Amino acid sequence: MPETLVPALEDLERDFRAAWADDGFRAEYADLLTTYAGRPTPVTECQRLSERLGVRVLLKREDLTHTGSHKINNVLGQALLTRRMGKKRVIAETGAGQHGCRHGDGRGALRPRVQGVHGRRRHRAPSAERLFG
């Protein structure tokens, strides 16, 4: 960890621990997961596949969340914490662009400014190229 980041990470850890101990913060997070992200997602039993394999096969339907993945759980919590800390933006480091795109979804729920940070341009996936230019 670069030494210059240590104070910011210590602040983040302190504020996260305080937020997570706050019932109001946790209630708002749970409400966002339900009303914005579409949680809890259903579990679907795959009867024919279960019969064929001889075991019960269940699928957790993450494709049914607002963004079609688990990443929205993380970014909604980050957006809430960003707001609680009085910060103006979230910096999203991303490889293929999906995490940065999910931060955009979190921004839609809570309005923090999102800044994408991405590696070398030649390694960008099309989704990252659209998000970060």
Protein backbone atom coordinates (compact mmCIF):
# COMPACT_ATOMS: atom_id res chain seq x y z
CA MET A 1 0.00 0.00 0.00
CA PRO A 2 1.47 3.40 -0.94
CA GLU A 3 2.22 5.36 2.21
CA THR A 4 0.28 8.38 0.96
CA LEU A 5 -2.95 6.35 0.92
CA VAL A 6 -2.70 5.05 4.49
CA PRO A 7 -4.45 8.03 6.18
CA ALA A 8 -7.33 7.90 3.71
CA LEU A 9 -7.74 4.15 4.21
CA GLU A 10 -7.65 4.55 7.98
CA ASP A 11 -10.41 7.18 7.71
CA LEU A 12 -12.39 4.87 5.46
CA GLU A 13 -12.08 1.95 7.86
CA ARG A 14 -13.08 4.09 10.86
CA ASP A 15 -16.09 5.55 9.05
CA PHE A 16 -17.17 2.18 7.68
CA ARG A 17 -17.07 0.57 11.14
CA ALA A 18 -19.12 3.45 12.56
CA ALA A 19 -21.62 3.26 9.70
CA TRP A 20 -22.01 -0.51 9.98
CA ALA A 21 -22.70 -0.15 13.72
CA ASP A 22 -25.47 2.38 12.93
CA ASP A 23 -28.87 0.70 12.61
CA GLY A 24 -30.12 3.56 10.42
CA PHE A 25 -27.30 3.09 7.91
CA ARG A 26 -27.92 -0.65 7.75
CA ALA A 27 -31.66 -0.14 7.37
CA GLU A 28 -31.16 2.29 4.49
CA TYR A 29 -28.74 -0.13 2.83
CA ALA A 30 -31.21 -3.01 3.21
CA ASP A 31 -34.00 -0.82 1.81
CA LEU A 32 -31.90 0.08 -1.25
CA LEU A 33 -31.07 -3.56 -1.84
CA THR A 34 -34.78 -4.35 -1.86
CA THR A 35 -36.29 -1.34 -3.62
CA TYR A 36 -33.46 -0.42 -6.02
CA ALA A 37 -31.49 -3.60 -6.66
CA GLY A 38 -34.41 -6.05 -6.52
CA ARG A 39 -33.25 -8.18 -3.61
CA PRO A 40 -33.69 -10.83 -2.54
CA THR A 41 -33.50 -12.57 -5.89
CA PRO A 42 -35.36 -15.86 -6.20
CA VAL A 43 -33.91 -19.34 -6.24
CA THR A 44 -35.12 -21.42 -9.19
CA GLU A 45 -35.20 -25.21 -9.03
CA CYS A 46 -34.02 -26.90 -12.23
CA GLN A 47 -36.24 -29.97 -12.15
CA ARG A 48 -35.21 -31.61 -15.43
CA LEU A 49 -31.49 -31.07 -14.80
CA SER A 50 -31.92 -32.33 -11.24
CA GLU A 51 -33.58 -35.49 -12.54
CA ARG A 52 -30.89 -36.01 -15.15
CA LEU A 53 -28.02 -35.55 -12.68
CA GLY A 54 -29.68 -37.29 -9.76
CA VAL A 55 -29.14 -34.32 -7.44
CA ARG A 56 -31.22 -31.28 -6.64
CA VAL A 57 -29.99 -28.32 -8.71
CA LEU A 58 -30.93 -24.78 -7.65
CA LEU A 59 -29.99 -21.55 -9.38
CA LYS A 60 -29.71 -18.25 -7.52
CA ARG A 61 -31.11 -15.75 -10.03
CA GLU A 62 -28.55 -12.92 -9.90
CA ASP A 63 -29.54 -12.07 -13.47
CA LEU A 64 -32.77 -10.62 -12.09
CA THR A 65 -31.17 -7.83 -10.06
CA HIS A 66 -31.38 -4.25 -11.33
CA THR A 67 -27.96 -4.59 -12.94
CA GLY A 68 -27.87 -8.31 -13.58
CA SER A 69 -25.03 -9.03 -11.16
CA HIS A 70 -23.88 -9.00 -7.56
CA LYS A 71 -21.82 -5.82 -8.04
CA ILE A 72 -24.77 -3.56 -7.21
CA ASN A 73 -24.58 -4.78 -3.57
CA ASN A 74 -21.09 -3.33 -3.24
CA VAL A 75 -21.64 -0.05 -5.02
CA LEU A 76 -24.84 0.84 -3.18
CA GLY A 77 -22.99 0.40 0.11
CA GLN A 78 -20.08 2.45 -1.21
CA ALA A 79 -22.40 5.21 -2.38
CA LEU A 80 -24.12 5.34 1.03
CA LEU A 81 -20.77 5.47 2.81
CA THR A 82 -19.53 8.16 0.40
CA ARG A 83 -22.54 10.30 1.22
CA ARG A 84 -22.19 9.67 4.97
CA MET A 85 -18.52 10.69 4.85
CA GLY A 86 -19.39 13.91 3.02
CA LYS A 87 -17.31 12.93 -0.01
CA LYS A 88 -18.23 14.30 -3.42
CA ARG A 89 -17.16 11.41 -5.63
CA VAL A 90 -16.40 7.70 -5.87
CA ILE A 91 -13.37 6.50 -7.78
CA ALA A 92 -14.03 3.19 -9.49
CA GLU A 93 -11.02 1.15 -10.57
CA THR A 94 -12.13 -1.30 -13.19
CA GLY A 95 -10.71 -3.78 -15.64
CA ALA A 96 -13.42 -4.68 -18.13
CA GLY A 97 -15.68 -1.81 -17.13
CA GLN A 98 -18.46 -3.68 -15.33
CA HIS A 99 -17.58 -2.40 -11.87
CA GLY A 100 -17.34 1.16 -13.15
CA CYS A 101 -20.70 0.76 -14.86
CA ARG A 102 -22.23 -0.49 -11.60
CA HIS A 103 -20.87 2.59 -9.86
CA GLY A 104 -22.86 4.56 -12.40
CA ASP A 105 -25.93 2.63 -11.26
CA GLY A 106 -25.14 3.46 -7.64
CA ARG A 107 -24.82 7.07 -8.70
CA GLY A 108 -28.32 6.80 -10.10
CA ALA A 109 -29.61 5.79 -6.69
CA LEU A 110 -27.70 8.27 -4.53
CA ARG A 111 -26.05 10.81 -6.83
CA PRO A 112 -22.34 10.76 -5.90
CA ARG A 113 -20.03 11.74 -8.74
CA VAL A 114 -18.28 8.68 -10.22
CA GLN A 115 -14.77 8.86 -11.65
CA GLY A 116 -13.57 5.81 -13.54
CA VAL A 117 -9.95 4.74 -13.38
CA HIS A 118 -8.90 2.20 -15.95
CA GLY A 119 -5.72 0.53 -17.10
CA ARG A 120 -4.07 0.89 -20.47
CA ARG A 121 -6.43 1.72 -23.30
CA ARG A 122 -5.48 -1.28 -25.45
CA HIS A 123 -6.76 -3.64 -22.73
CA ARG A 124 -10.15 -2.00 -22.34
CA ALA A 125 -13.29 -3.94 -22.99
CA PRO A 126 -15.96 -2.19 -25.11
CA SER A 127 -18.04 -1.47 -21.98
CA ALA A 128 -15.09 0.31 -20.35
CA GLU A 129 -14.42 2.25 -23.55
CA ARG A 130 -17.99 3.56 -23.53
CA LEU A 131 -17.77 4.49 -19.85
CA PHE A 132 -14.30 6.05 -19.78
CA GLY A 133 -13.74 7.18 -23.37
